[in-house]
PDB file of N, CA and C in Angstrom:
ATOM      1  N   MET A   1     102.496  88.121 104.387  1.00  0.00           N
ATOM      2  CA  MET A   1     102.407  89.478 104.876  1.00  0.00           C
ATOM      3  C   MET A   1     103.833  90.016 105.035  1.00  0.00           C
ATOM      4  N   GLY A   2     104.046  91.252 104.638  1.00  0.00           N
ATOM      5  CA  GLY A   2     105.359  91.876 104.747  1.00  0.00           C
ATOM      6  C   GLY A   2     105.655  92.357 106.159  1.00  0.00           C
ATOM      7  N   ARG A   3     106.893  92.754 106.349  1.00  0.00           N
ATOM      8  CA  ARG A   3     107.313  93.284 107.646  1.00  0.00           C
ATOM      9  C   ARG A   3     107.887  94.670 107.421  1.00  0.00           C
ATOM     10  N   ILE A   4     107.671  95.531 108.417  1.00  0.00           N
ATOM     11  CA  ILE A   4     108.163  96.900 108.340  1.00  0.00           C
ATOM     12  C   ILE A   4     108.928  97.259 109.607  1.00  0.00           C
ATOM     13  N   ARG A   5     109.734  98.287 109.489  1.00  0.00           N
ATOM     14  CA  ARG A   5     110.421  98.863 110.644  1.00  0.00           C
ATOM     15  C   ARG A   5     110.100 100.343 110.632  1.00  0.00           C
ATOM     16  N   LEU A   6     109.789 100.881 111.804  1.00  0.00           N
ATOM     17  CA  LEU A   6     109.507 102.304 111.907  1.00  0.00           C
ATOM     18  C   LEU A   6     110.771 103.049 112.307  1.00  0.00           C
ATOM     19  N   ARG A   7     111.034 104.152 111.668  1.00  0.00           N
ATOM     20  CA  ARG A   7     112.258 104.917 111.880  1.00  0.00           C
ATOM     21  C   ARG A   7     112.061 105.972 112.975  1.00  0.00           C
ATOM     22  N   VAL A   8     111.439 105.584 114.064  1.00  0.00           N
ATOM     23  CA  VAL A   8     111.107 106.491 115.161  1.00  0.00           C
ATOM     24  C   VAL A   8     112.359 107.094 115.787  1.00  0.00           C
ATOM     25  N   ARG A   9     113.315 106.265 116.126  1.00  0.00           N
ATOM     26  CA  ARG A   9     114.540 106.759 116.776  1.00  0.00           C
ATOM     27  C   ARG A   9     115.294 107.746 115.897  1.00  0.00           C
ATOM     28  N   GLU A  10     115.395 107.424 114.621  1.00  0.00           N
ATOM     29  CA  GLU A  10     116.129 108.292 113.702  1.00  0.00           C
ATOM     30  C   GLU A  10     115.529 109.697 113.652  1.00  0.00           C
ATOM     31  N   PHE A  11     114.215 109.759 113.491  1.00  0.00           N
ATOM     32  CA  PHE A  11     113.565 111.062 113.391  1.00  0.00           C
ATOM     33  C   PHE A  11     113.543 111.791 114.726  1.00  0.00           C
ATOM     34  N   ALA A  12     113.418 111.047 115.816  1.00  0.00           N
ATOM     35  CA  ALA A  12     113.469 111.675 117.142  1.00  0.00           C
ATOM     36  C   ALA A  12     114.839 112.317 117.347  1.00  0.00           C
ATOM     37  N   GLN A  13     115.894 111.606 116.984  1.00  0.00           N
ATOM     38  CA  GLN A  13     117.253 112.150 117.134  1.00  0.00           C
ATOM     39  C   GLN A  13     117.454 113.388 116.275  1.00  0.00           C
ATOM     40  N   GLU A  14     116.908 113.371 115.056  1.00  0.00           N
ATOM     41  CA  GLU A  14     117.017 114.540 114.183  1.00  0.00           C
ATOM     42  C   GLU A  14     116.377 115.774 114.818  1.00  0.00           C
ATOM     43  N   LYS A  15     115.273 115.553 115.532  1.00  0.00           N
ATOM     44  CA  LYS A  15     114.573 116.659 116.192  1.00  0.00           C
ATOM     45  C   LYS A  15     115.195 117.023 117.533  1.00  0.00           C
ATOM     46  N   GLY A  16     116.085 116.164 118.038  1.00  0.00           N
ATOM     47  CA  GLY A  16     116.669 116.386 119.353  1.00  0.00           C
ATOM     48  C   GLY A  16     115.738 115.972 120.481  1.00  0.00           C
ATOM     49  N   TRP A  17     114.837 115.040 120.185  1.00  0.00           N
ATOM     50  CA  TRP A  17     113.859 114.566 121.155  1.00  0.00           C
ATOM     51  C   TRP A  17     114.260 113.180 121.655  1.00  0.00           C
ATOM     52  N   ASN A  18     113.878 112.889 122.908  1.00  0.00           N
ATOM     53  CA  ASN A  18     113.967 111.515 123.386  1.00  0.00           C
ATOM     54  C   ASN A  18     112.602 110.867 123.137  1.00  0.00           C
ATOM     55  N   LEU A  19     112.475 109.595 123.445  1.00  0.00           N
ATOM     56  CA  LEU A  19     111.213 108.897 123.152  1.00  0.00           C
ATOM     57  C   LEU A  19     110.072 109.356 124.048  1.00  0.00           C
ATOM     58  N   THR A  20     110.389 109.849 125.230  1.00  0.00           N
ATOM     59  CA  THR A  20     109.349 110.419 126.094  1.00  0.00           C
ATOM     60  C   THR A  20     108.753 111.648 125.430  1.00  0.00           C
ATOM     61  N   GLU A  21     109.593 112.460 124.829  1.00  0.00           N
ATOM     62  CA  GLU A  21     109.124 113.663 124.123  1.00  0.00           C
ATOM     63  C   GLU A  21     108.253 113.281 122.928  1.00  0.00           C
ATOM     64  N   VAL A  22     108.632 112.246 122.207  1.00  0.00           N
ATOM     65  CA  VAL A  22     107.816 111.771 121.088  1.00  0.00           C
ATOM     66  C   VAL A  22     106.430 111.371 121.602  1.00  0.00           C
ATOM     67  N   SER A  23     106.402 110.657 122.712  1.00  0.00           N
ATOM     68  CA  SER A  23     105.133 110.239 123.306  1.00  0.00           C
ATOM     69  C   SER A  23     104.270 111.445 123.676  1.00  0.00           C
ATOM     70  N   LYS A  24     104.876 112.432 124.312  1.00  0.00           N
ATOM     71  CA  LYS A  24     104.127 113.628 124.711  1.00  0.00           C
ATOM     72  C   LYS A  24     103.600 114.397 123.507  1.00  0.00           C
ATOM     73  N   ARG A  25     104.409 114.530 122.473  1.00  0.00           N
ATOM     74  CA  ARG A  25     104.023 115.314 121.299  1.00  0.00           C
ATOM     75  C   ARG A  25     102.976 114.613 120.435  1.00  0.00           C
ATOM     76  N   THR A  26     102.937 113.285 120.504  1.00  0.00           N
ATOM     77  CA  THR A  26     102.002 112.530 119.664  1.00  0.00           C
ATOM     78  C   THR A  26     100.749 112.085 120.406  1.00  0.00           C
ATOM     79  N   GLY A  27     100.840 111.992 121.722  1.00  0.00           N
ATOM     80  CA  GLY A  27      99.719 111.443 122.483  1.00  0.00           C
ATOM     81  C   GLY A  27      99.685 109.922 122.451  1.00  0.00           C
ATOM     82  N   ILE A  28     100.725 109.313 121.918  1.00  0.00           N
ATOM     83  CA  ILE A  28     100.830 107.848 121.852  1.00  0.00           C
ATOM     84  C   ILE A  28     101.511 107.384 123.138  1.00  0.00           C
ATOM     85  N   PRO A  29     100.969 106.353 123.789  1.00  0.00           N
ATOM     86  CA  PRO A  29     101.588 105.883 125.035  1.00  0.00           C
ATOM     87  C   PRO A  29     103.078 105.576 124.860  1.00  0.00           C
ATOM     88  N   TYR A  30     103.850 105.918 125.875  1.00  0.00           N
ATOM     89  CA  TYR A  30     105.295 105.715 125.853  1.00  0.00           C
ATOM     90  C   TYR A  30     105.649 104.258 125.554  1.00  0.00           C
ATOM     91  N   THR A  31     104.912 103.327 126.144  1.00  0.00           N
ATOM     92  CA  THR A  31     105.210 101.903 125.920  1.00  0.00           C
ATOM     93  C   THR A  31     105.050 101.529 124.443  1.00  0.00           C
ATOM     94  N   THR A  32     104.110 102.141 123.762  1.00  0.00           N
ATOM     95  CA  THR A  32     103.918 101.888 122.335  1.00  0.00           C
ATOM     96  C   THR A  32     105.068 102.481 121.529  1.00  0.00           C
ATOM     97  N   ILE A  33     105.470 103.698 121.872  1.00  0.00           N
ATOM     98  CA  ILE A  33     106.600 104.339 121.188  1.00  0.00           C
ATOM     99  C   ILE A  33     107.856 103.481 121.341  1.00  0.00           C
ATOM    100  N   ILE A  34     108.101 102.991 122.557  1.00  0.00           N
ATOM    101  CA  ILE A  34     109.267 102.132 122.811  1.00  0.00           C
ATOM    102  C   ILE A  34     109.194 100.869 121.950  1.00  0.00           C
ATOM    103  N   THR A  35     108.028 100.263 121.873  1.00  0.00           N
ATOM    104  CA  THR A  35     107.850  99.055 121.059  1.00  0.00           C
ATOM    105  C   THR A  35     108.181  99.348 119.600  1.00  0.00           C
ATOM    106  N   TYR A  36     107.642 100.452 119.081  1.00  0.00           N
ATOM    107  CA  TYR A  36     107.911 100.819 117.692  1.00  0.00           C
ATOM    108  C   TYR A  36     109.395 101.112 117.482  1.00  0.00           C
ATOM    109  N   ALA A  37     110.015 101.811 118.413  1.00  0.00           N
ATOM    110  CA  ALA A  37     111.419 102.203 118.268  1.00  0.00           C
ATOM    111  C   ALA A  37     112.367 101.015 118.375  1.00  0.00           C
ATOM    112  N   ASN A  38     112.022 100.027 119.180  1.00  0.00           N
ATOM    113  CA  ASN A  38     112.916  98.893 119.426  1.00  0.00           C
ATOM    114  C   ASN A  38     112.687  97.692 118.515  1.00  0.00           C
ATOM    115  N   SER A  39     111.578  97.690 117.803  1.00  0.00           N
ATOM    116  CA  SER A  39     111.243  96.528 116.984  1.00  0.00           C
ATOM    117  C   SER A  39     112.111  96.480 115.728  1.00  0.00           C
ATOM    118  N   SER A  40     112.660  95.317 115.455  1.00  0.00           N
ATOM    119  CA  SER A  40     113.468  95.147 114.250  1.00  0.00           C
ATOM    120  C   SER A  40     112.596  94.842 113.038  1.00  0.00           C
ATOM    121  N   GLY A  41     111.320  94.579 113.274  1.00  0.00           N
ATOM    122  CA  GLY A  41     110.388  94.336 112.181  1.00  0.00           C
ATOM    123  C   GLY A  41     109.029  93.917 112.703  1.00  0.00           C
ATOM    124  N   MET A  42     107.992  94.550 112.179  1.00  0.00           N
ATOM    125  CA  MET A  42     106.620  94.254 112.614  1.00  0.00           C
ATOM    126  C   MET A  42     105.768  93.905 111.405  1.00  0.00           C
ATOM    127  N   ALA A  43     104.741  93.109 111.632  1.00  0.00           N
ATOM    128  CA  ALA A  43     103.799  92.761 110.570  1.00  0.00           C
ATOM    129  C   ALA A  43     102.619  93.732 110.554  1.00  0.00           C
ATOM    130  N   THR A  44     102.281  94.291 111.712  1.00  0.00           N
ATOM    131  CA  THR A  44     101.158  95.222 111.783  1.00  0.00           C
ATOM    132  C   THR A  44     101.532  96.428 112.632  1.00  0.00           C
ATOM    133  N   VAL A  45     100.860  97.536 112.348  1.00  0.00           N
ATOM    134  CA  VAL A  45     101.064  98.753 113.114  1.00  0.00           C
ATOM    135  C   VAL A  45      99.777  99.577 113.015  1.00  0.00           C
ATOM    136  N   ASP A  46      99.495 100.362 114.009  1.00  0.00           N
ATOM    137  CA  ASP A  46      98.306 101.201 114.057  1.00  0.00           C
ATOM    138  C   ASP A  46      98.487 102.399 113.116  1.00  0.00           C
ATOM    139  N   TYR A  47      97.639 102.516 112.101  1.00  0.00           N
ATOM    140  CA  TYR A  47      97.758 103.597 111.131  1.00  0.00           C
ATOM    141  C   TYR A  47      97.597 104.964 111.785  1.00  0.00           C
ATOM    142  N   THR A  48      96.733 105.070 112.760  1.00  0.00           N
ATOM    143  CA  THR A  48      96.536 106.336 113.467  1.00  0.00           C
ATOM    144  C   THR A  48      97.830 106.753 114.154  1.00  0.00           C
ATOM    145  N   ALA A  49      98.547 105.803 114.730  1.00  0.00           N
ATOM    146  CA  ALA A  49      99.832 106.110 115.364  1.00  0.00           C
ATOM    147  C   ALA A  49     100.838 106.575 114.318  1.00  0.00           C
ATOM    148  N   LEU A  50     100.853 105.921 113.163  1.00  0.00           N
ATOM    149  CA  LEU A  50     101.745 106.356 112.080  1.00  0.00           C
ATOM    150  C   LEU A  50     101.457 107.801 111.695  1.00  0.00           C
ATOM    151  N   ASP A  51     100.195 108.114 111.555  1.00  0.00           N
ATOM    152  CA  ASP A  51      99.791 109.472 111.181  1.00  0.00           C
ATOM    153  C   ASP A  51     100.231 110.483 112.236  1.00  0.00           C
ATOM    154  N   LYS A  52     100.021 110.164 113.496  1.00  0.00           N
ATOM    155  CA  LYS A  52     100.407 111.077 114.585  1.00  0.00           C
ATOM    156  C   LYS A  52     101.912 111.306 114.617  1.00  0.00           C
ATOM    157  N   MET A  53     102.679 110.233 114.442  1.00  0.00           N
ATOM    158  CA  MET A  53     104.136 110.370 114.467  1.00  0.00           C
ATOM    159  C   MET A  53     104.630 111.163 113.255  1.00  0.00           C
ATOM    160  N   ALA A  54     104.093 110.869 112.086  1.00  0.00           N
ATOM    161  CA  ALA A  54     104.500 111.596 110.882  1.00  0.00           C
ATOM    162  C   ALA A  54     104.200 113.087 111.025  1.00  0.00           C
ATOM    163  N   ARG A  55     103.055 113.419 111.576  1.00  0.00           N
ATOM    164  CA  ARG A  55     102.715 114.833 111.783  1.00  0.00           C
ATOM    165  C   ARG A  55     103.663 115.492 112.776  1.00  0.00           C
ATOM    166  N   ALA A  56     103.980 114.803 113.856  1.00  0.00           N
ATOM    167  CA  ALA A  56     104.877 115.366 114.868  1.00  0.00           C
ATOM    168  C   ALA A  56     106.275 115.594 114.292  1.00  0.00           C
ATOM    169  N   PHE A  57     106.741 114.661 113.463  1.00  0.00           N
ATOM    170  CA  PHE A  57     108.064 114.787 112.856  1.00  0.00           C
ATOM    171  C   PHE A  57     108.043 115.679 111.611  1.00  0.00           C
ATOM    172  N   ASP A  58     106.837 116.037 111.154  1.00  0.00           N
ATOM    173  CA  ASP A  58     106.642 116.857 109.955  1.00  0.00           C
ATOM    174  C   ASP A  58     107.238 116.165 108.722  1.00  0.00           C
ATOM    175  N   ILE A  59     106.842 114.896 108.560  1.00  0.00           N
ATOM    176  CA  ILE A  59     107.294 114.084 107.436  1.00  0.00           C
ATOM    177  C   ILE A  59     106.097 113.325 106.872  1.00  0.00           C
ATOM    178  N   ALA A  60     106.280 112.710 105.715  1.00  0.00           N
ATOM    179  CA  ALA A  60     105.259 111.828 105.148  1.00  0.00           C
ATOM    180  C   ALA A  60     105.327 110.472 105.845  1.00  0.00           C
ATOM    181  N   ILE A  61     104.209 109.798 105.930  1.00  0.00           N
ATOM    182  CA  ILE A  61     104.174 108.469 106.544  1.00  0.00           C
ATOM    183  C   ILE A  61     105.160 107.545 105.843  1.00  0.00           C
ATOM    184  N   GLU A  62     105.261 107.667 104.525  1.00  0.00           N
ATOM    185  CA  GLU A  62     106.168 106.816 103.760  1.00  0.00           C
ATOM    186  C   GLU A  62     107.618 106.952 104.222  1.00  0.00           C
ATOM    187  N   ASP A  63     107.985 108.137 104.708  1.00  0.00           N
ATOM    188  CA  ASP A  63     109.353 108.357 105.195  1.00  0.00           C
ATOM    189  C   ASP A  63     109.599 107.671 106.542  1.00  0.00           C
ATOM    190  N   LEU A  64     108.543 107.480 107.296  1.00  0.00           N
ATOM    191  CA  LEU A  64     108.642 106.874 108.621  1.00  0.00           C
ATOM    192  C   LEU A  64     108.768 105.358 108.554  1.00  0.00           C
ATOM    193  N   VAL A  65     108.263 104.779 107.476  1.00  0.00           N
ATOM    194  CA  VAL A  65     108.176 103.320 107.344  1.00  0.00           C
ATOM    195  C   VAL A  65     109.275 102.794 106.417  1.00  0.00           C
ATOM    196  N   GLU A  66     109.992 101.792 106.890  1.00  0.00           N
ATOM    197  CA  GLU A  66     110.973 101.092 106.067  1.00  0.00           C
ATOM    198  C   GLU A  66     110.439  99.686 105.816  1.00  0.00           C
ATOM    199  N   ILE A  67     110.240  99.337 104.557  1.00  0.00           N
ATOM    200  CA  ILE A  67     109.735  98.010 104.219  1.00  0.00           C
ATOM    201  C   ILE A  67     110.910  97.024 104.231  1.00  0.00           C
ATOM    202  N   LEU A  68     110.775  95.998 105.061  1.00  0.00           N
ATOM    203  CA  LEU A  68     111.838  95.000 105.186  1.00  0.00           C
ATOM    204  C   LEU A  68     111.645  93.835 104.256  1.00  0.00           C
ATOM    205  N   GLU A  69     110.397  93.408 104.087  1.00  0.00           N
ATOM    206  CA  GLU A  69     110.081  92.313 103.180  1.00  0.00           C
ATOM    207  C   GLU A  69     108.663  92.477 102.702  1.00  0.00           C
ATOM    208  N   ASN A  70     108.418  92.084 101.470  1.00  0.00           N
ATOM    209  CA  ASN A  70     107.066  92.185 100.874  1.00  0.00           C
ATOM    210  C   ASN A  70     106.303  90.909 101.069  1.00  0.00           C
TER     211      ASN A  70
END
């Protein structure tokens, strides 16, 4: 199974948002946003959360996800 990193911090900074703001705008719990933002690589992630974050940042899901290993 591959590992991915979510570019949450990068896109939040581009928007001028902190992670609390990302949580409020997406409806995703703050603790989950922090986990996604701080993780150096994950094997699984909630697709619904990806969709919510991509919509909030006004980007494609593919732009939010960085593939670390296949």
